[in-house]
Amino acid sequence: MVGRVELALGALLGLALLLGLNNQRQILRAKGEVKRDRKEVELSEARVREVNATAVMNAFEARHAVMIHKTWYMEQFYLVNPDIRSLRSAYAVRNDQEIRLDGNVTLLRTDGSVYEAQKVLYDQKQRVLRSLGPFSAHKGEDYARGTDFVYAVVPKITWAKKIFAHYRLENGGKALRGSGTTKGR
């Protein structure tokens, strides 16, 4: 007859065999995913100049860029465009329709306004920048803080869901306007 110890050892060995087969399946699945997500292009100190259908020249730069399935993943991203002026961030993901910017995003508009946020989406087809979350902006002696700014590039209009404070720096930083939704140039 088979003793309890032998039964327990048999059950333990069976469980180990099942776990091993499950691990083998997970390893094979992971290898398949790695093969599907192969890098198509990898660049260091990348610089790309492109002219789109409306004859607007875009200059993209990145310290490190990888393309996977027609999507660029970039570090230390920098964009120069005559309509925007410049846009930079720590990380960017760019496909045909939009650029997602993360980490210390800085937008320098053609009128000299500077907007800073942590997350921004740039819809390249509609030519609209949207911050996701808080932002700060300044131009000359004006300074503003708020949430979720939207910048329509073509008419050069910016608005925000909420402005927490608007300061004129020449007045010792005293608030000119309180909170509320604002629209301006």
Protein backbone atom coordinates (compact mmCIF):
# COMPACT_ATOMS: atom_id res chain seq x y z
CA MET A 1 0.00 0.00 0.00
CA VAL A 2 0.98 3.55 -0.66
CA GLY A 3 1.68 5.62 2.43
CA ARG A 4 0.57 9.16 3.13
CA VAL A 5 4.08 10.49 2.63
CA GLU A 6 4.30 8.90 -0.81
CA LEU A 7 0.89 10.34 -1.75
CA ALA A 8 1.92 13.80 -0.60
CA LEU A 9 5.18 13.54 -2.56
CA GLY A 10 3.27 12.39 -5.65
CA ALA A 11 0.82 15.29 -5.35
CA LEU A 12 3.70 17.73 -4.89
CA LEU A 13 5.50 16.39 -7.96
CA GLY A 14 2.28 16.60 -10.00
CA LEU A 15 1.75 20.20 -8.90
CA ALA A 16 5.35 21.08 -9.77
CA LEU A 17 4.89 19.49 -13.20
CA LEU A 18 1.71 21.52 -13.80
CA LEU A 19 3.42 24.73 -12.70
CA GLY A 20 6.36 23.96 -14.96
CA LEU A 21 4.05 23.45 -17.97
CA ASN A 22 2.22 26.68 -17.17
CA ASN A 23 5.55 28.55 -16.94
CA GLN A 24 6.60 27.02 -20.26
CA ARG A 25 3.39 28.35 -21.90
CA GLN A 26 3.97 31.82 -20.41
CA ILE A 27 7.57 31.85 -21.64
CA LEU A 28 6.50 30.86 -25.17
CA ARG A 29 3.76 33.53 -25.15
CA ALA A 30 6.27 36.17 -23.99
CA LYS A 31 8.72 35.15 -26.73
CA GLY A 32 5.94 35.52 -29.29
CA GLU A 33 5.12 39.01 -28.02
CA VAL A 34 8.77 40.03 -28.23
CA LYS A 35 8.91 38.85 -31.84
CA ARG A 36 5.78 40.86 -32.71
CA ASP A 37 7.10 44.04 -31.05
CA ARG A 38 10.40 44.14 -32.88
CA LYS A 39 12.10 47.47 -33.30
CA GLU A 40 11.87 48.63 -36.88
CA VAL A 41 14.25 51.59 -36.42
CA GLU A 42 16.44 52.77 -33.54
CA LEU A 43 18.28 56.10 -33.63
CA SER A 44 20.55 58.02 -31.30
CA GLU A 45 20.76 61.81 -31.63
CA ALA A 46 17.95 61.71 -34.20
CA ARG A 47 17.14 64.74 -36.37
CA VAL A 48 14.31 64.66 -38.88
CA ARG A 49 13.16 67.47 -41.17
CA GLU A 50 9.83 67.09 -42.93
CA VAL A 51 7.55 69.23 -45.05
CA ASN A 52 3.86 68.37 -44.83
CA ALA A 53 1.13 68.85 -47.46
CA THR A 54 0.55 72.47 -46.41
CA ALA A 55 4.25 73.28 -46.87
CA VAL A 56 4.88 73.61 -43.11
CA MET A 57 8.39 72.59 -42.15
CA ASN A 58 8.67 70.48 -39.00
CA ALA A 59 12.01 69.70 -37.40
CA PHE A 60 12.01 66.87 -34.86
CA GLU A 61 14.93 66.02 -32.61
CA ALA A 62 15.36 63.32 -29.97
CA ARG A 63 18.28 62.00 -27.98
CA HIS A 64 17.02 58.44 -28.48
CA ALA A 65 14.19 57.26 -30.77
CA VAL A 66 12.72 53.83 -31.46
CA MET A 67 10.04 53.00 -34.03
CA ILE A 68 7.73 50.04 -33.34
CA HIS A 69 4.72 49.44 -35.62
CA LYS A 70 4.84 52.93 -37.18
CA THR A 71 4.92 54.59 -33.75
CA TRP A 72 7.95 56.55 -32.53
CA TYR A 73 9.00 56.41 -28.86
CA MET A 74 11.42 59.25 -28.11
CA GLU A 75 13.48 60.61 -25.22
CA GLN A 76 14.42 64.30 -24.92
CA PHE A 77 11.99 65.29 -27.67
CA TYR A 78 12.17 68.69 -29.39
CA LEU A 79 9.95 70.05 -32.18
CA VAL A 80 10.43 73.26 -34.12
CA ASN A 81 7.50 74.43 -36.23
CA PRO A 82 6.79 77.90 -37.68
CA ASP A 83 3.21 77.86 -36.34
CA ILE A 84 4.05 76.63 -32.83
CA ARG A 85 7.67 77.85 -32.57
CA SER A 86 8.94 75.07 -30.31
CA LEU A 87 7.75 72.20 -28.17
CA ARG A 88 9.93 70.05 -25.92
CA SER A 89 9.49 67.25 -23.40
CA ALA A 90 11.35 64.46 -21.64
CA TYR A 91 9.40 61.72 -23.47
CA ALA A 92 7.20 61.62 -26.55
CA VAL A 93 5.15 59.02 -28.43
CA ARG A 94 4.38 60.00 -32.02
CA ASN A 95 2.15 58.34 -34.59
CA ASP A 96 0.43 59.65 -37.72
CA GLN A 97 -2.31 61.49 -35.80
CA GLU A 98 -0.89 62.73 -32.52
CA ILE A 99 2.13 63.29 -30.35
CA ARG A 100 1.81 62.46 -26.63
CA LEU A 101 4.32 64.41 -24.54
CA ASP A 102 5.26 63.52 -20.96
CA GLY A 103 7.54 65.14 -18.44
CA ASN A 104 8.51 68.83 -18.32
CA VAL A 105 6.60 69.79 -21.44
CA THR A 106 7.36 73.34 -22.60
CA LEU A 107 5.47 75.09 -25.39
CA LEU A 108 6.96 78.31 -26.74
CA ARG A 109 4.41 80.08 -28.93
CA THR A 110 5.28 82.41 -31.79
CA ASP A 111 4.03 85.41 -29.76
CA GLY A 112 6.53 84.67 -26.97
CA SER A 113 4.10 82.99 -24.55
CA VAL A 114 5.53 80.03 -22.64
CA TYR A 115 3.30 77.20 -21.36
CA GLU A 116 4.56 74.45 -19.06
CA ALA A 117 2.78 71.22 -18.11
CA GLN A 118 3.57 67.58 -17.36
CA LYS A 119 1.34 65.93 -20.00
CA VAL A 120 0.28 67.36 -23.35
CA LEU A 121 -1.40 65.88 -26.44
CA TYR A 122 -0.77 67.42 -29.85
CA ASP A 123 -3.34 66.47 -32.47
CA GLN A 124 -1.37 66.99 -35.68
CA LYS A 125 -4.40 66.77 -37.99
CA GLN A 126 -6.57 69.28 -36.08
CA ARG A 127 -3.48 71.26 -35.02
CA VAL A 128 -4.54 71.50 -31.37
CA LEU A 129 -2.43 71.13 -28.21
CA ARG A 130 -4.17 70.03 -24.99
CA SER A 131 -2.62 69.78 -21.56
CA LEU A 132 -3.84 67.02 -19.26
CA GLY A 133 -3.75 68.52 -15.81
CA PRO A 134 -2.21 71.62 -14.30
CA PHE A 135 -0.19 74.13 -16.28
CA SER A 136 1.55 77.45 -15.84
CA ALA A 137 2.00 80.12 -18.48
CA HIS A 138 3.76 83.44 -18.78
CA LYS A 139 4.25 86.15 -21.35
CA GLY A 140 6.19 89.23 -20.52
CA GLU A 141 5.04 90.27 -17.07
CA ASP A 142 1.81 88.23 -17.07
CA TYR A 143 1.73 84.86 -15.33
CA ALA A 144 -1.16 82.36 -15.07
CA ARG A 145 -1.79 78.94 -13.52
CA GLY A 146 -4.69 76.63 -14.24
CA THR A 147 -5.82 73.24 -15.53
CA ASP A 148 -6.28 71.74 -18.97
CA PHE A 149 -5.27 74.43 -21.46
CA VAL A 150 -6.17 74.05 -25.13
CA TYR A 151 -4.17 75.86 -27.82
CA ALA A 152 -5.62 75.99 -31.32
CA VAL A 153 -2.51 76.53 -33.44
CA VAL A 154 -4.07 78.04 -36.58
CA PRO A 155 -6.13 80.88 -35.06
CA LYS A 156 -3.54 81.07 -32.21
CA ILE A 157 -6.16 81.02 -29.46
CA THR A 158 -5.63 79.51 -26.00
CA TRP A 159 -8.27 78.73 -23.40
CA ALA A 160 -8.38 76.71 -20.19
CA LYS A 161 -10.97 74.88 -18.12
CA LYS A 162 -9.99 76.76 -15.00
CA ILE A 163 -7.55 79.53 -14.16
CA PHE A 164 -6.49 79.51 -10.51
CA ALA A 165 -4.57 82.76 -10.59
CA HIS A 166 -3.50 85.39 -13.05
CA TYR A 167 -0.70 87.68 -11.97
CA ARG A 168 0.96 90.73 -13.39
CA LEU A 169 4.53 90.42 -12.16
CA GLU A 170 5.19 94.17 -12.26
CA ASN A 171 2.62 94.70 -9.46
CA GLY A 172 4.59 92.64 -6.99
CA GLY A 173 2.80 89.45 -8.02
CA LYS A 174 -0.69 90.55 -6.94
CA ALA A 175 -3.55 88.59 -8.49
CA LEU A 176 -5.47 90.39 -11.20
CA ARG A 177 -8.15 87.75 -11.77
CA GLY A 178 -9.46 84.91 -9.69
CA SER A 179 -10.48 81.44 -10.77
CA GLY A 180 -12.74 80.79 -13.72
CA THR A 181 -12.67 79.76 -17.34
CA THR A 182 -10.78 82.08 -19.62
CA LYS A 183 -10.18 82.46 -23.32
CA GLY A 184 -7.56 84.67 -24.84
CA ARG A 185 -4.91 85.24 -27.47
